[in-house]
Amino acid sequence: MSDIPAFFKENGYYHAKSVFARDTLNELKTEFDRIVGQLNKSGDQLDATWDGTQTSKLASANDVILHTHNVQRYSRVWLNAFLNERFLKVARQIIGNDIILHHSKLFQKPSEHGSPFPMHQDWPYFPTYNDSMIAGIIHVSDATDEMGCLRVYPGSHKLGRIEGANGRQENKILDRYPIKQAKVLEAEAGDVLFFHYFTLHGSMPNRSDRTRKTVLCQIYDGADRIEDGNQHPNEQLVLSGWNHAISRLAAGAPR
């Protein structure tokens, strides 16, 4: 694992193979499908397809992607996944010992009409003061190019914060990084793809006959904190080490 920090520093991503063993992966698949079943019965709005001109350039009229935040609030098995030592062993190589869960997201990209995500950075949605935020995509199923797997521009994290790079609007800088020329990162079930929240990334539609299932875990350094005024869910759950920035009020104590 000695090459992980250097590779991530240079490329802004790291593909960790076979992080979750077969028995654990089978449990995660079962609980993933159970969450989806509960969501489908809820009557809630589940489609997370982005609006905007960038999505319309890639998507068809019937594309959808099923989504929910914070799978650890549904299932202890998924909380265990984020506490899995093989998962954390890689994450510590990138962030350090102190790791805080900001949030998780379930994405189910259905066969044949699974929605794309245009090229974007994640930082506009939940910026941190020290820019330590990374994502780890846990692959519950395989993800091939035809299934709309992740695509990245290696080294693009060195661009830093690109204003307006949220993927929902026109952006002259992003125009220089077309998604069709990005590096395709196919993955197998049990793999985890880690990437920095500056790294330009996106995914094409799922036009295969297989459903793509992933859970994305957003984590940051325990010495960092979310910028003031951000309204995105912030679980502040300590996965490893210590939360140096937590306070009594931030921990949920009454005023």
Protein backbone atom coordinates (compact mmCIF):
# COMPACT_ATOMS: atom_id res chain seq x y z
CA MET A 1 0.00 0.00 0.00
CA SER A 2 3.02 2.31 0.07
CA ASP A 3 2.23 3.53 -3.46
CA ILE A 4 -1.32 4.67 -2.65
CA PRO A 5 -0.52 8.17 -1.29
CA ALA A 6 1.84 8.94 -4.16
CA PHE A 7 -0.57 7.65 -6.82
CA PHE A 8 -3.49 9.58 -5.33
CA LYS A 9 -1.44 12.78 -4.99
CA GLU A 10 -0.43 12.59 -8.65
CA ASN A 11 -3.72 11.37 -10.19
CA GLY A 12 -6.49 12.45 -7.82
CA TYR A 13 -7.98 8.97 -7.67
CA TYR A 14 -7.15 5.40 -6.64
CA HIS A 15 -8.80 2.13 -7.69
CA ALA A 16 -8.77 -0.32 -4.76
CA LYS A 17 -9.48 -3.85 -5.97
CA SER A 18 -11.51 -6.49 -4.07
CA VAL A 19 -11.89 -4.43 -0.89
CA PHE A 20 -15.02 -6.32 0.15
CA ALA A 21 -14.87 -10.10 0.38
CA ARG A 22 -17.55 -12.22 -1.26
CA ASP A 23 -19.52 -12.98 1.93
CA THR A 24 -19.59 -9.32 2.93
CA LEU A 25 -20.47 -8.27 -0.60
CA ASN A 26 -23.43 -10.65 -0.66
CA GLU A 27 -24.74 -9.02 2.54
CA LEU A 28 -24.29 -5.56 1.03
CA LYS A 29 -26.16 -6.59 -2.12
CA THR A 30 -29.05 -7.97 -0.07
CA GLU A 31 -29.31 -4.79 2.02
CA PHE A 32 -28.91 -2.57 -1.06
CA ASP A 33 -31.88 -4.29 -2.70
CA ARG A 34 -33.85 -4.10 0.53
CA ILE A 35 -33.29 -0.32 0.68
CA VAL A 36 -34.39 0.02 -2.95
CA GLY A 37 -37.51 -2.00 -2.21
CA GLN A 38 -38.39 0.25 0.71
CA LEU A 39 -37.78 3.35 -1.39
CA ASN A 40 -40.02 2.08 -4.18
CA LYS A 41 -42.86 1.66 -1.68
CA SER A 42 -42.37 5.11 -0.15
CA GLY A 43 -43.91 7.25 -2.87
CA ASP A 44 -40.97 9.65 -2.56
CA GLN A 45 -39.27 11.33 -5.49
CA LEU A 46 -36.40 8.95 -6.22
CA ASP A 47 -35.00 10.10 -9.56
CA ALA A 48 -31.69 11.95 -9.13
CA THR A 49 -31.21 12.81 -12.81
CA TRP A 50 -29.67 16.28 -13.01
CA ASP A 51 -31.36 19.10 -14.83
CA GLY A 52 -29.41 21.46 -17.06
CA THR A 53 -27.96 21.60 -20.52
CA GLN A 54 -24.96 19.38 -19.75
CA THR A 55 -27.15 16.41 -18.82
CA SER A 56 -29.44 16.93 -21.79
CA LYS A 57 -26.46 16.51 -24.12
CA LEU A 58 -25.90 12.96 -22.82
CA ALA A 59 -29.28 11.67 -21.65
CA SER A 60 -32.39 10.39 -23.38
CA ALA A 61 -35.94 11.32 -22.40
CA ASN A 62 -36.58 8.16 -20.37
CA ASP A 63 -33.33 8.07 -18.38
CA VAL A 64 -33.60 7.79 -14.60
CA ILE A 65 -31.35 7.03 -11.64
CA LEU A 66 -32.69 5.91 -8.27
CA HIS A 67 -31.07 7.61 -5.30
CA THR A 68 -31.13 8.14 -1.56
CA HIS A 69 -28.78 9.64 0.99
CA ASN A 70 -27.27 7.93 4.02
CA VAL A 71 -27.70 4.19 3.64
CA GLN A 72 -26.26 3.77 7.16
CA ARG A 73 -29.57 5.17 8.45
CA TYR A 74 -31.37 2.24 6.79
CA SER A 75 -29.02 -0.64 7.51
CA ARG A 76 -26.44 -1.66 10.11
CA VAL A 77 -24.78 -3.77 7.42
CA TRP A 78 -24.01 -0.61 5.48
CA LEU A 79 -22.68 1.15 8.56
CA ASN A 80 -20.39 -1.86 8.98
CA ALA A 81 -19.20 -1.35 5.39
CA PHE A 82 -17.93 2.14 6.20
CA LEU A 83 -16.23 0.75 9.32
CA ASN A 84 -14.73 -2.17 7.39
CA GLU A 85 -11.01 -2.27 8.14
CA ARG A 86 -10.04 -3.04 4.54
CA PHE A 87 -11.98 0.02 3.39
CA LEU A 88 -10.48 2.22 6.10
CA LYS A 89 -6.96 0.92 5.54
CA VAL A 90 -7.00 2.42 2.05
CA ALA A 91 -8.78 5.60 3.15
CA ARG A 92 -6.17 6.24 5.86
CA GLN A 93 -3.44 6.08 3.22
CA ILE A 94 -5.15 9.00 1.48
CA ILE A 95 -6.63 11.13 4.30
CA GLY A 96 -4.81 10.07 7.43
CA ASN A 97 -5.97 8.34 10.61
CA ASP A 98 -8.84 10.74 11.43
CA ILE A 99 -11.74 10.07 9.05
CA ILE A 100 -15.20 11.63 9.26
CA LEU A 101 -18.25 10.48 7.28
CA HIS A 102 -19.94 13.45 5.69
CA HIS A 103 -22.68 11.46 3.96
CA SER A 104 -23.32 8.44 1.78
CA LYS A 105 -25.43 8.10 -1.36
CA LEU A 106 -27.01 5.08 -3.00
CA PHE A 107 -27.24 5.11 -6.80
CA GLN A 108 -29.06 2.49 -8.84
CA LYS A 109 -28.55 3.06 -12.56
CA PRO A 110 -31.15 0.89 -14.29
CA SER A 111 -30.41 -1.13 -17.38
CA GLU A 112 -30.87 0.47 -20.81
CA HIS A 113 -32.02 3.88 -19.51
CA GLY A 114 -29.76 4.76 -16.59
CA SER A 115 -29.01 8.48 -16.36
CA PRO A 116 -25.57 10.00 -16.96
CA PHE A 117 -23.76 12.53 -14.82
CA PRO A 118 -21.89 15.22 -16.79
CA MET A 119 -18.28 16.08 -16.02
CA HIS A 120 -18.04 18.04 -12.76
CA GLN A 121 -16.27 18.62 -9.45
CA ASP A 122 -17.92 17.77 -6.13
CA TRP A 123 -16.55 20.64 -4.05
CA PRO A 124 -19.36 23.14 -4.89
CA TYR A 125 -21.84 20.92 -3.04
CA PHE A 126 -19.99 20.56 0.31
CA PRO A 127 -16.76 22.58 0.44
CA THR A 128 -14.39 22.10 3.37
CA TYR A 129 -11.90 24.65 4.67
CA ASN A 130 -8.88 22.44 4.00
CA ASP A 131 -10.25 20.69 0.89
CA SER A 132 -9.66 17.24 2.36
CA MET A 133 -12.95 15.75 1.10
CA ILE A 134 -12.77 12.57 -0.97
CA ALA A 135 -15.31 10.05 -2.19
CA GLY A 136 -15.17 6.28 -2.11
CA ILE A 137 -17.50 4.53 -4.56
CA ILE A 138 -18.32 1.06 -3.27
CA HIS A 139 -19.28 -1.14 -6.21
CA VAL A 140 -22.15 -3.44 -5.27
CA SER A 141 -22.31 -4.64 -8.88
CA ASP A 142 -19.80 -4.62 -11.70
CA ALA A 143 -19.53 -1.34 -13.59
CA THR A 144 -18.47 -1.50 -17.22
CA ASP A 145 -18.19 1.32 -19.74
CA GLU A 146 -21.50 0.26 -21.30
CA MET A 147 -23.08 0.35 -17.82
CA GLY A 148 -22.04 3.96 -17.31
CA CYS A 149 -19.04 3.49 -15.02
CA LEU A 150 -17.03 6.36 -13.56
CA ARG A 151 -14.82 8.44 -15.86
CA VAL A 152 -12.12 10.81 -14.61
CA TYR A 153 -9.40 13.13 -15.82
CA PRO A 154 -6.29 11.98 -13.94
CA GLY A 155 -4.43 14.90 -12.39
CA SER A 156 -7.35 17.32 -12.81
CA HIS A 157 -7.55 17.77 -9.02
CA LYS A 158 -4.50 20.01 -9.41
CA LEU A 159 -6.76 22.60 -11.05
CA GLY A 160 -8.20 23.37 -7.61
CA ARG A 161 -11.60 24.95 -7.25
CA ILE A 162 -13.24 25.69 -10.59
CA GLU A 163 -16.09 28.12 -10.13
CA GLY A 164 -19.37 26.85 -11.55
CA ALA A 165 -18.06 23.31 -11.99
CA ASN A 166 -21.13 21.63 -10.52
CA GLY A 167 -22.07 19.95 -13.82
CA ARG A 168 -25.44 21.64 -14.14
CA GLN A 169 -24.45 24.68 -16.19
CA GLU A 170 -22.24 25.76 -19.06
CA ASN A 171 -18.60 26.13 -18.09
CA LYS A 172 -15.75 27.14 -20.41
CA ILE A 173 -13.14 25.28 -18.37
CA LEU A 174 -15.17 22.06 -18.27
CA ASP A 175 -15.62 22.33 -22.04
CA ARG A 176 -11.89 21.56 -22.30
CA TYR A 177 -12.51 18.21 -20.59
CA PRO A 178 -15.21 16.38 -22.58
CA ILE A 179 -16.56 13.32 -20.86
CA LYS A 180 -16.08 11.15 -23.93
CA GLN A 181 -12.31 11.65 -23.69
CA ALA A 182 -12.07 11.01 -19.94
CA LYS A 183 -10.38 7.90 -18.55
CA VAL A 184 -12.82 5.01 -18.20
CA LEU A 185 -12.59 3.28 -14.81
CA GLU A 186 -14.37 -0.05 -15.11
CA ALA A 187 -14.73 -1.85 -11.79
CA GLU A 188 -15.85 -5.17 -10.39
CA ALA A 189 -18.24 -5.79 -7.52
CA GLY A 190 -16.33 -5.32 -4.26
CA ASP A 191 -13.96 -2.68 -5.68
CA VAL A 192 -13.80 0.87 -4.31
CA LEU A 193 -12.86 3.90 -6.39
CA PHE A 194 -11.54 6.77 -4.29
CA PHE A 195 -11.23 10.27 -5.75
CA HIS A 196 -10.64 13.83 -4.55
CA TYR A 197 -13.53 16.29 -4.72
CA PHE A 198 -11.54 18.48 -7.14
CA THR A 199 -11.07 15.58 -9.58
CA LEU A 200 -13.12 16.08 -12.73
CA HIS A 201 -15.43 13.09 -13.05
CA GLY A 202 -18.72 11.96 -14.52
CA SER A 203 -20.43 8.94 -16.05
CA MET A 204 -22.19 8.08 -19.29
CA PRO A 205 -25.68 6.52 -19.45
CA ASN A 206 -26.25 2.85 -18.73
CA ARG A 207 -27.22 1.34 -22.07
CA SER A 208 -26.45 -2.26 -21.08
CA ASP A 209 -28.89 -4.98 -20.03
CA ARG A 210 -27.48 -4.94 -16.45
CA THR A 211 -28.27 -2.69 -13.48
CA ARG A 212 -25.36 -0.71 -12.03
CA LYS A 213 -25.42 -0.52 -8.21
CA THR A 214 -23.08 1.70 -6.18
CA VAL A 215 -22.89 3.44 -2.83
CA LEU A 216 -20.77 6.59 -2.66
CA CYS A 217 -19.20 7.49 0.68
CA GLN A 218 -18.02 11.09 1.20
CA ILE A 219 -15.33 11.35 3.88
CA TYR A 220 -12.94 14.05 5.11
CA ASP A 221 -10.07 14.65 7.51
CA GLY A 222 -10.99 14.94 11.19
CA ALA A 223 -8.95 18.15 11.43
CA ASP A 224 -11.01 19.74 8.62
CA ARG A 225 -14.57 21.05 8.74
CA ILE A 226 -17.36 21.98 6.37
CA GLU A 227 -17.52 25.62 5.36
CA ASP A 228 -20.12 27.73 7.15
CA GLY A 229 -23.50 28.09 5.49
CA ASN A 230 -23.45 24.80 3.61
CA GLN A 231 -26.83 23.07 3.75
CA HIS A 232 -25.85 19.60 2.53
CA PRO A 233 -26.33 16.75 5.05
CA ASN A 234 -23.25 16.35 7.25
CA GLU A 235 -23.37 13.23 9.42
CA GLN A 236 -20.06 13.96 11.22
CA LEU A 237 -19.75 10.28 12.09
CA VAL A 238 -16.23 9.30 13.14
CA LEU A 239 -15.12 6.26 11.15
CA SER A 240 -11.52 6.36 12.34
CA GLY A 241 -9.56 8.33 14.92
CA TRP A 242 -10.89 11.65 16.17
CA ASN A 243 -13.08 14.59 15.15
CA HIS A 244 -10.95 17.61 16.08
CA ALA A 245 -13.50 20.18 14.86
CA ILE A 246 -16.63 18.96 16.67
CA SER A 247 -18.23 21.09 19.35
CA ARG A 248 -21.03 20.53 21.82
CA LEU A 249 -23.54 22.35 19.60
CA ALA A 250 -22.28 20.73 16.41
CA ALA A 251 -22.69 17.36 18.09
CA GLY A 252 -26.38 18.07 18.51
CA ALA A 253 -26.62 19.29 22.09
CA PRO A 254 -29.50 21.69 22.83
CA ARG A 255 -28.66 25.35 23.17
